[in-house]
N, C-alpha and C. Protein backbone atom coordinates (compact mmCIF):
# COMPACT_ATOMS: atom_id res chain seq x y z
N UNK A 1 -11.87 19.10 3.93
CA UNK A 1 -10.62 18.36 3.78
C UNK A 1 -10.82 16.96 4.36
N UNK A 2 -10.42 15.95 3.60
CA UNK A 2 -10.49 14.56 4.04
C UNK A 2 -9.13 14.14 4.59
N UNK A 3 -9.09 13.87 5.90
CA UNK A 3 -7.84 13.51 6.57
C UNK A 3 -7.77 11.99 6.72
N UNK A 4 -6.61 11.45 6.40
CA UNK A 4 -6.35 10.01 6.52
C UNK A 4 -5.09 9.80 7.33
N UNK A 5 -5.00 8.62 7.92
CA UNK A 5 -3.88 8.27 8.78
C UNK A 5 -3.27 6.96 8.28
N UNK A 6 -1.95 6.88 8.40
CA UNK A 6 -1.23 5.71 7.91
C UNK A 6 -0.10 5.37 8.87
N UNK A 7 0.11 4.06 9.05
CA UNK A 7 1.25 3.56 9.82
C UNK A 7 2.37 3.30 8.83
N UNK A 8 3.56 3.76 9.16
CA UNK A 8 4.74 3.50 8.32
C UNK A 8 5.64 2.52 9.05
N UNK A 9 6.18 1.56 8.33
CA UNK A 9 7.03 0.53 8.93
C UNK A 9 8.47 0.67 8.45
N UNK A 10 9.43 0.27 9.30
CA UNK A 10 10.84 0.38 8.89
C UNK A 10 11.24 -0.62 7.81
N UNK A 11 10.64 -1.81 7.81
CA UNK A 11 10.97 -2.82 6.81
C UNK A 11 9.71 -3.60 6.45
N UNK A 12 9.79 -4.27 5.33
CA UNK A 12 8.72 -5.17 4.91
C UNK A 12 9.42 -6.44 4.45
N UNK A 13 9.78 -7.29 5.40
CA UNK A 13 10.60 -8.45 5.07
C UNK A 13 11.97 -7.98 4.66
N UNK A 14 12.40 -8.37 3.47
CA UNK A 14 13.71 -7.94 2.96
C UNK A 14 13.62 -6.62 2.19
N UNK A 15 12.42 -6.08 2.07
CA UNK A 15 12.20 -4.87 1.28
C UNK A 15 12.28 -3.65 2.18
N UNK A 16 12.67 -2.49 1.61
CA UNK A 16 12.58 -1.26 2.40
C UNK A 16 11.13 -1.04 2.79
N UNK A 17 10.92 -0.57 3.98
CA UNK A 17 9.56 -0.37 4.47
C UNK A 17 8.93 0.90 3.95
N UNK A 18 7.75 1.17 4.45
CA UNK A 18 7.00 2.33 3.98
C UNK A 18 7.58 3.64 4.49
N UNK A 19 8.42 3.61 5.54
CA UNK A 19 9.06 4.85 6.01
C UNK A 19 9.94 5.40 4.90
N UNK A 20 10.82 4.56 4.36
CA UNK A 20 11.69 5.02 3.27
C UNK A 20 10.88 5.45 2.06
N UNK A 21 9.87 4.69 1.73
CA UNK A 21 9.05 5.01 0.55
C UNK A 21 8.33 6.34 0.75
N UNK A 22 7.84 6.60 1.96
CA UNK A 22 7.16 7.87 2.25
C UNK A 22 8.11 9.04 2.06
N UNK A 23 9.33 8.91 2.62
CA UNK A 23 10.32 9.99 2.51
C UNK A 23 10.77 10.22 1.06
N UNK A 24 10.67 9.18 0.24
CA UNK A 24 11.01 9.31 -1.18
C UNK A 24 9.86 9.90 -1.99
N UNK A 25 8.71 10.12 -1.36
CA UNK A 25 7.55 10.64 -2.06
C UNK A 25 6.82 9.59 -2.88
N UNK A 26 7.06 8.31 -2.58
CA UNK A 26 6.40 7.22 -3.31
C UNK A 26 5.14 6.85 -2.55
N UNK A 27 4.00 7.30 -3.02
CA UNK A 27 2.73 7.11 -2.33
C UNK A 27 1.93 5.97 -2.96
N UNK A 28 2.49 4.77 -2.81
CA UNK A 28 1.83 3.56 -3.27
C UNK A 28 1.80 2.55 -2.12
N UNK A 29 1.04 1.51 -2.29
CA UNK A 29 0.99 0.41 -1.33
C UNK A 29 1.08 -0.89 -2.12
N UNK A 30 1.04 -2.01 -1.40
CA UNK A 30 1.11 -3.30 -2.08
C UNK A 30 0.18 -4.30 -1.43
N UNK A 31 -0.47 -5.10 -2.29
CA UNK A 31 -1.28 -6.22 -1.81
C UNK A 31 -0.39 -7.41 -1.47
N UNK A 32 0.88 -7.36 -1.91
CA UNK A 32 1.84 -8.46 -1.70
C UNK A 32 1.35 -9.77 -2.30
N UNK A 33 0.77 -9.66 -3.46
CA UNK A 33 0.33 -10.86 -4.17
C UNK A 33 0.26 -10.55 -5.67
N UNK A 34 0.21 -11.61 -6.43
CA UNK A 34 0.11 -11.50 -7.88
C UNK A 34 -1.32 -11.11 -8.26
N UNK A 35 -1.50 -10.06 -9.06
CA UNK A 35 -2.86 -9.72 -9.51
C UNK A 35 -3.45 -10.83 -10.38
N UNK A 36 -4.61 -11.35 -9.98
CA UNK A 36 -5.24 -12.48 -10.66
C UNK A 36 -5.60 -12.20 -12.11
N UNK A 37 -5.98 -10.95 -12.40
CA UNK A 37 -6.38 -10.66 -13.78
C UNK A 37 -5.18 -10.73 -14.73
N UNK A 38 -3.96 -10.50 -14.23
CA UNK A 38 -2.78 -10.65 -15.07
C UNK A 38 -2.47 -12.12 -15.31
N UNK A 39 -2.60 -12.94 -14.26
CA UNK A 39 -2.34 -14.38 -14.41
C UNK A 39 -3.31 -14.98 -15.43
N UNK A 40 -4.57 -14.57 -15.35
CA UNK A 40 -5.57 -15.06 -16.29
C UNK A 40 -5.21 -14.67 -17.72
N UNK A 41 -4.84 -13.41 -17.91
CA UNK A 41 -4.47 -12.93 -19.25
C UNK A 41 -3.21 -13.65 -19.75
N UNK A 42 -2.25 -13.87 -18.86
CA UNK A 42 -1.01 -14.58 -19.20
C UNK A 42 -1.33 -15.96 -19.77
N UNK A 43 -2.26 -16.65 -19.14
CA UNK A 43 -2.62 -18.00 -19.57
C UNK A 43 -3.42 -17.97 -20.87
N UNK A 44 -4.29 -16.97 -21.04
CA UNK A 44 -5.11 -16.87 -22.24
C UNK A 44 -4.31 -16.42 -23.46
N UNK A 45 -3.25 -15.68 -23.25
CA UNK A 45 -2.52 -15.09 -24.36
C UNK A 45 -1.24 -15.85 -24.73
N UNK A 46 -1.17 -17.11 -24.37
CA UNK A 46 0.02 -17.90 -24.62
C UNK A 46 1.27 -17.22 -24.06
N UNK A 47 1.16 -16.70 -22.85
CA UNK A 47 2.26 -16.12 -22.10
C UNK A 47 2.88 -14.89 -22.76
N UNK A 48 2.03 -14.00 -23.19
CA UNK A 48 2.49 -12.75 -23.81
C UNK A 48 3.28 -11.91 -22.81
N UNK A 49 4.40 -11.39 -23.28
CA UNK A 49 5.21 -10.49 -22.44
C UNK A 49 5.07 -9.04 -22.90
N UNK A 50 4.07 -8.77 -23.73
CA UNK A 50 3.82 -7.41 -24.21
C UNK A 50 2.97 -6.67 -23.16
N UNK A 51 3.51 -5.62 -22.52
CA UNK A 51 2.74 -4.90 -21.50
C UNK A 51 1.42 -4.34 -22.01
N UNK A 52 1.34 -4.06 -23.31
CA UNK A 52 0.11 -3.51 -23.88
C UNK A 52 -1.05 -4.52 -23.85
N UNK A 53 -0.74 -5.79 -23.64
CA UNK A 53 -1.78 -6.82 -23.56
C UNK A 53 -2.45 -6.88 -22.19
N UNK A 54 -1.96 -6.11 -21.24
CA UNK A 54 -2.44 -6.21 -19.86
C UNK A 54 -3.00 -4.88 -19.38
N UNK A 55 -4.13 -4.94 -18.72
CA UNK A 55 -4.76 -3.77 -18.11
C UNK A 55 -4.12 -3.50 -16.75
N UNK A 56 -3.80 -2.25 -16.47
CA UNK A 56 -3.28 -1.91 -15.15
C UNK A 56 -4.38 -1.92 -14.10
N UNK A 57 -5.61 -1.66 -14.53
CA UNK A 57 -6.73 -1.58 -13.60
C UNK A 57 -7.47 -2.90 -13.55
N UNK A 58 -7.69 -3.40 -12.34
CA UNK A 58 -8.41 -4.66 -12.17
C UNK A 58 -9.91 -4.41 -12.16
N UNK A 59 -10.69 -5.48 -12.12
CA UNK A 59 -12.14 -5.39 -12.16
C UNK A 59 -12.68 -4.54 -11.01
N UNK A 60 -12.04 -4.62 -9.83
CA UNK A 60 -12.53 -3.86 -8.67
C UNK A 60 -12.04 -2.41 -8.66
N UNK A 61 -11.36 -1.99 -9.74
CA UNK A 61 -10.94 -0.60 -9.86
C UNK A 61 -9.57 -0.29 -9.30
N UNK A 62 -8.88 -1.29 -8.78
CA UNK A 62 -7.53 -1.08 -8.25
C UNK A 62 -6.58 -0.90 -9.43
N UNK A 63 -5.82 0.19 -9.42
CA UNK A 63 -4.88 0.45 -10.50
C UNK A 63 -3.46 0.13 -10.04
N UNK A 64 -2.87 -0.88 -10.67
CA UNK A 64 -1.51 -1.30 -10.34
C UNK A 64 -0.51 -0.42 -11.08
N UNK A 65 0.71 -0.36 -10.57
CA UNK A 65 1.74 0.47 -11.19
C UNK A 65 2.35 -0.25 -12.40
N UNK A 66 2.98 0.52 -13.27
CA UNK A 66 3.68 -0.05 -14.42
C UNK A 66 4.84 -0.92 -13.95
N UNK A 67 5.46 -0.52 -12.83
CA UNK A 67 6.55 -1.31 -12.27
C UNK A 67 6.05 -2.67 -11.80
N UNK A 68 4.83 -2.71 -11.26
CA UNK A 68 4.25 -3.98 -10.82
C UNK A 68 4.05 -4.90 -12.02
N UNK A 69 3.55 -4.36 -13.11
CA UNK A 69 3.35 -5.16 -14.32
C UNK A 69 4.68 -5.65 -14.87
N UNK A 70 5.70 -4.80 -14.88
CA UNK A 70 7.02 -5.23 -15.36
C UNK A 70 7.56 -6.38 -14.51
N UNK A 71 7.36 -6.31 -13.21
CA UNK A 71 7.81 -7.40 -12.34
C UNK A 71 7.03 -8.68 -12.66
N UNK A 72 5.73 -8.55 -12.81
CA UNK A 72 4.92 -9.72 -13.16
C UNK A 72 5.43 -10.37 -14.44
N UNK A 73 5.62 -9.56 -15.48
CA UNK A 73 6.03 -10.10 -16.77
C UNK A 73 7.42 -10.75 -16.71
N UNK A 74 8.28 -10.24 -15.84
CA UNK A 74 9.63 -10.81 -15.75
C UNK A 74 9.67 -12.13 -14.97
N UNK A 75 8.66 -12.39 -14.16
CA UNK A 75 8.71 -13.64 -13.37
C UNK A 75 7.41 -14.44 -13.43
N UNK A 76 6.53 -14.15 -14.38
CA UNK A 76 5.26 -14.88 -14.50
C UNK A 76 5.48 -16.36 -14.82
N UNK A 77 6.58 -16.67 -15.47
CA UNK A 77 6.87 -18.05 -15.85
C UNK A 77 7.26 -18.92 -14.66
N UNK A 78 7.59 -18.31 -13.53
CA UNK A 78 8.02 -19.06 -12.34
C UNK A 78 6.81 -19.68 -11.64
N UNK A 79 6.99 -20.86 -11.10
CA UNK A 79 5.89 -21.51 -10.38
C UNK A 79 5.74 -20.96 -8.96
N UNK A 80 6.81 -20.44 -8.40
CA UNK A 80 6.79 -19.85 -7.05
C UNK A 80 7.39 -18.45 -7.13
N UNK A 81 6.89 -17.56 -6.26
CA UNK A 81 7.41 -16.20 -6.21
C UNK A 81 7.89 -15.93 -4.79
N UNK A 82 9.02 -15.21 -4.68
CA UNK A 82 9.49 -14.86 -3.34
C UNK A 82 8.75 -13.62 -2.85
N UNK A 83 8.97 -13.25 -1.60
CA UNK A 83 8.26 -12.12 -1.00
C UNK A 83 8.52 -10.81 -1.73
N UNK A 84 9.75 -10.60 -2.17
CA UNK A 84 10.06 -9.35 -2.89
C UNK A 84 9.29 -9.28 -4.20
N UNK A 85 9.22 -10.38 -4.93
CA UNK A 85 8.48 -10.39 -6.19
C UNK A 85 6.99 -10.14 -5.94
N UNK A 86 6.43 -10.78 -4.93
CA UNK A 86 5.02 -10.58 -4.61
C UNK A 86 4.74 -9.14 -4.19
N UNK A 87 5.65 -8.57 -3.41
CA UNK A 87 5.50 -7.17 -2.99
C UNK A 87 5.49 -6.26 -4.22
N UNK A 88 6.45 -6.45 -5.10
CA UNK A 88 6.54 -5.59 -6.29
C UNK A 88 5.38 -5.81 -7.26
N UNK A 89 4.92 -7.06 -7.42
CA UNK A 89 3.79 -7.35 -8.31
C UNK A 89 2.49 -6.76 -7.79
N UNK A 90 2.36 -6.66 -6.49
CA UNK A 90 1.11 -6.19 -5.89
C UNK A 90 1.04 -4.69 -5.67
N UNK A 91 2.06 -3.95 -6.14
CA UNK A 91 2.09 -2.51 -5.90
C UNK A 91 0.99 -1.79 -6.67
N UNK A 92 0.20 -1.02 -5.94
CA UNK A 92 -0.90 -0.30 -6.57
C UNK A 92 -0.83 1.18 -6.25
N UNK A 93 -1.49 1.97 -7.08
CA UNK A 93 -1.53 3.42 -6.89
C UNK A 93 -2.46 3.73 -5.73
N UNK A 94 -2.03 4.64 -4.90
CA UNK A 94 -2.80 4.99 -3.72
C UNK A 94 -2.17 4.37 -2.49
N UNK A 95 -2.63 4.83 -1.36
CA UNK A 95 -2.10 4.36 -0.08
C UNK A 95 -3.16 3.59 0.68
N UNK A 96 -2.72 2.58 1.39
CA UNK A 96 -3.61 1.91 2.34
C UNK A 96 -3.63 2.80 3.58
N UNK A 97 -4.81 3.30 3.95
CA UNK A 97 -4.90 4.25 5.06
C UNK A 97 -6.27 4.17 5.72
N UNK A 98 -6.36 4.77 6.89
CA UNK A 98 -7.60 4.82 7.65
C UNK A 98 -8.09 6.26 7.75
N UNK A 99 -9.40 6.43 7.86
CA UNK A 99 -9.95 7.77 8.08
C UNK A 99 -10.25 8.00 9.56
N UNK A 100 -9.82 7.07 10.40
CA UNK A 100 -10.07 7.13 11.84
C UNK A 100 -8.74 6.89 12.57
N UNK A 101 -8.34 7.84 13.41
CA UNK A 101 -7.06 7.73 14.12
C UNK A 101 -7.02 6.51 15.04
N UNK A 102 -8.15 6.20 15.68
CA UNK A 102 -8.17 5.05 16.58
C UNK A 102 -7.86 3.75 15.83
N UNK A 103 -8.36 3.64 14.61
CA UNK A 103 -8.12 2.44 13.81
C UNK A 103 -6.66 2.32 13.40
N UNK A 104 -6.03 3.44 13.04
CA UNK A 104 -4.63 3.36 12.65
C UNK A 104 -3.76 3.02 13.86
N UNK A 105 -4.14 3.48 15.03
CA UNK A 105 -3.39 3.14 16.24
C UNK A 105 -3.52 1.65 16.55
N UNK A 106 -4.72 1.09 16.41
CA UNK A 106 -4.91 -0.35 16.61
C UNK A 106 -4.09 -1.14 15.60
N UNK A 107 -4.13 -0.71 14.35
CA UNK A 107 -3.38 -1.39 13.30
C UNK A 107 -1.88 -1.32 13.59
N UNK A 108 -1.41 -0.19 14.08
CA UNK A 108 0.00 -0.03 14.40
C UNK A 108 0.48 -0.91 15.52
N UNK A 109 -0.43 -1.34 16.38
CA UNK A 109 -0.07 -2.21 17.50
C UNK A 109 0.04 -3.67 17.11
N UNK A 110 -0.29 -3.98 15.86
CA UNK A 110 -0.21 -5.36 15.37
C UNK A 110 1.21 -5.62 14.86
N UNK A 111 1.71 -6.79 15.15
CA UNK A 111 2.98 -7.23 14.59
C UNK A 111 4.20 -6.71 15.31
N UNK A 112 5.37 -7.06 14.77
CA UNK A 112 6.63 -6.69 15.41
C UNK A 112 7.02 -5.23 15.13
N UNK A 113 8.09 -4.82 15.75
CA UNK A 113 8.71 -3.50 15.54
C UNK A 113 7.78 -2.34 15.89
N UNK A 114 6.88 -2.54 16.85
CA UNK A 114 5.91 -1.50 17.21
C UNK A 114 6.58 -0.18 17.55
N UNK A 115 7.70 -0.26 18.27
CA UNK A 115 8.38 0.97 18.72
C UNK A 115 9.08 1.71 17.57
N UNK A 116 9.24 1.05 16.43
CA UNK A 116 9.91 1.69 15.28
C UNK A 116 8.92 2.23 14.25
N UNK A 117 7.65 1.93 14.42
CA UNK A 117 6.65 2.39 13.47
C UNK A 117 6.41 3.89 13.63
N UNK A 118 6.10 4.53 12.53
CA UNK A 118 5.79 5.96 12.52
C UNK A 118 4.37 6.15 12.01
N UNK A 119 3.82 7.32 12.31
CA UNK A 119 2.44 7.63 11.94
C UNK A 119 2.43 8.95 11.18
N UNK A 120 1.57 9.04 10.17
CA UNK A 120 1.41 10.27 9.40
C UNK A 120 -0.07 10.58 9.24
N UNK A 121 -0.34 11.84 9.01
CA UNK A 121 -1.69 12.28 8.63
C UNK A 121 -1.53 13.02 7.30
N UNK A 122 -2.48 12.77 6.40
CA UNK A 122 -2.40 13.42 5.10
C UNK A 122 -3.80 13.67 4.56
N UNK A 123 -3.88 14.61 3.66
CA UNK A 123 -5.12 14.87 2.96
C UNK A 123 -5.19 13.92 1.77
N UNK A 124 -6.36 13.34 1.55
CA UNK A 124 -6.49 12.41 0.45
C UNK A 124 -7.92 12.28 -0.03
N UNK A 125 -8.09 11.42 -1.01
CA UNK A 125 -9.42 11.13 -1.58
C UNK A 125 -9.60 9.62 -1.60
N UNK A 126 -10.72 9.14 -1.05
CA UNK A 126 -10.99 7.70 -1.03
C UNK A 126 -11.15 7.17 -2.45
N UNK A 127 -10.46 6.07 -2.72
CA UNK A 127 -10.62 5.40 -4.00
C UNK A 127 -11.54 4.19 -3.86
N UNK A 128 -11.32 3.39 -2.78
CA UNK A 128 -12.14 2.20 -2.54
C UNK A 128 -11.77 1.59 -1.20
N UNK A 129 -12.68 0.85 -0.59
CA UNK A 129 -12.32 0.13 0.64
C UNK A 129 -11.30 -0.96 0.32
N UNK A 130 -10.40 -1.21 1.25
CA UNK A 130 -9.46 -2.34 1.10
C UNK A 130 -10.18 -3.60 1.53
N UNK A 131 -9.93 -4.67 0.81
CA UNK A 131 -10.59 -5.93 1.11
C UNK A 131 -9.66 -6.94 1.76
N UNK A 132 -8.40 -6.57 1.99
CA UNK A 132 -7.46 -7.52 2.56
C UNK A 132 -7.82 -7.87 3.99
N UNK A 133 -7.49 -9.08 4.37
CA UNK A 133 -7.70 -9.53 5.74
C UNK A 133 -6.89 -8.64 6.68
N UNK A 134 -7.48 -8.22 7.77
CA UNK A 134 -6.79 -7.39 8.74
C UNK A 134 -6.83 -5.91 8.43
N UNK A 135 -7.48 -5.50 7.34
CA UNK A 135 -7.54 -4.08 7.02
C UNK A 135 -8.96 -3.54 7.10
N UNK A 136 -9.72 -4.07 8.04
CA UNK A 136 -11.09 -3.58 8.24
C UNK A 136 -11.06 -2.08 8.52
N UNK A 137 -11.85 -1.36 7.78
CA UNK A 137 -11.92 0.09 7.97
C UNK A 137 -10.88 0.87 7.19
N UNK A 138 -10.01 0.18 6.45
CA UNK A 138 -8.98 0.87 5.67
C UNK A 138 -9.47 1.07 4.23
N UNK A 139 -8.84 2.04 3.58
CA UNK A 139 -9.20 2.39 2.20
C UNK A 139 -7.95 2.50 1.35
N UNK A 140 -8.15 2.36 0.04
CA UNK A 140 -7.14 2.81 -0.93
C UNK A 140 -7.41 4.29 -1.08
N UNK A 141 -6.37 5.10 -0.87
CA UNK A 141 -6.55 6.55 -0.83
C UNK A 141 -5.55 7.22 -1.75
N UNK A 142 -6.03 8.16 -2.55
CA UNK A 142 -5.15 8.98 -3.38
C UNK A 142 -4.55 10.06 -2.49
N UNK A 143 -3.23 10.13 -2.47
CA UNK A 143 -2.51 11.12 -1.68
C UNK A 143 -2.65 12.50 -2.32
N UNK A 144 -2.98 13.51 -1.50
CA UNK A 144 -3.03 14.89 -1.99
C UNK A 144 -1.89 15.70 -1.39
N UNK A 145 -1.83 15.73 -0.05
CA UNK A 145 -0.72 16.46 0.58
C UNK A 145 -0.56 15.98 2.03
N UNK A 146 0.66 16.11 2.51
CA UNK A 146 0.97 15.74 3.88
C UNK A 146 0.46 16.81 4.84
N UNK A 147 -0.16 16.38 5.93
CA UNK A 147 -0.63 17.30 6.96
C UNK A 147 0.39 17.36 8.09
N UNK A 148 0.84 16.19 8.53
CA UNK A 148 1.93 16.13 9.52
C UNK A 148 2.98 15.16 9.00
N UNK A 149 4.25 15.44 9.29
CA UNK A 149 5.30 14.52 8.87
C UNK A 149 5.27 13.25 9.71
N UNK A 150 6.02 12.26 9.28
CA UNK A 150 6.11 11.00 10.01
C UNK A 150 6.64 11.24 11.42
N UNK A 151 5.96 10.66 12.40
CA UNK A 151 6.37 10.83 13.80
C UNK A 151 6.08 9.56 14.58
N UNK A 152 6.77 9.42 15.72
CA UNK A 152 6.55 8.21 16.53
C UNK A 152 5.17 8.27 17.19
N UNK A 153 4.80 7.17 17.81
CA UNK A 153 3.45 7.04 18.36
C UNK A 153 3.15 8.10 19.42
N UNK A 154 4.11 8.37 20.31
CA UNK A 154 3.87 9.36 21.37
C UNK A 154 3.64 10.75 20.79
N UNK A 155 4.45 11.14 19.83
CA UNK A 155 4.28 12.45 19.19
C UNK A 155 2.95 12.51 18.45
N UNK A 156 2.59 11.41 17.80
CA UNK A 156 1.32 11.34 17.08
C UNK A 156 0.15 11.49 18.05
N UNK A 157 0.21 10.79 19.18
CA UNK A 157 -0.85 10.91 20.19
C UNK A 157 -0.97 12.34 20.71
N UNK A 158 0.16 12.99 20.92
CA UNK A 158 0.16 14.39 21.36
C UNK A 158 -0.47 15.28 20.29
N UNK A 159 -0.10 15.06 19.02
CA UNK A 159 -0.68 15.84 17.93
C UNK A 159 -2.20 15.63 17.88
N UNK A 160 -2.62 14.37 18.01
CA UNK A 160 -4.06 14.09 18.01
C UNK A 160 -4.77 14.83 19.14
N UNK A 161 -4.19 14.78 20.32
CA UNK A 161 -4.79 15.43 21.48
C UNK A 161 -4.95 16.94 21.24
N UNK A 162 -3.95 17.54 20.65
CA UNK A 162 -3.96 18.99 20.40
C UNK A 162 -4.92 19.38 19.26
N UNK A 163 -5.12 18.47 18.34
CA UNK A 163 -5.87 18.83 17.14
C UNK A 163 -7.26 18.22 17.00
N UNK A 164 -7.71 17.50 18.01
CA UNK A 164 -9.03 16.89 17.89
C UNK A 164 -9.96 17.33 19.02
N UNK A 165 -9.70 18.47 19.58
CA UNK A 165 -10.57 18.99 20.65
C UNK A 165 -11.75 19.69 20.06
């Protein structure tokens, strides 16, 4: 069994955070940016709005959601995108997660709202390493099943202590 760990956040700017998305069973993540291969195709195809003209999978194998493509097509004509649009455009299948508990704990200590973050462990399959800045050691992971439900850092540390002897 391949165990992965993920930090869940209460919010992502103005967007619902990964806590809500996890409880809804939505096991996706976001690069929070416009996929470059769509922008290139948009320019080459005289701004086609036909979803069939666009590949969901990028050159590096990242598969974006159909909802991400729909968001891109609805606002590709704009010169600037707000954070919500970038979040929705960058949504990809799989979760950003770590295969090392120590790494997820370090990642969870970055940024605001530390005391509101939750931690989960799940069974998954590695799809590819994440290349985003600040995600050293993280992977795009296909979710298989939850091992432990979302819990605060102290409960997570206790679970780790009990289960890693």
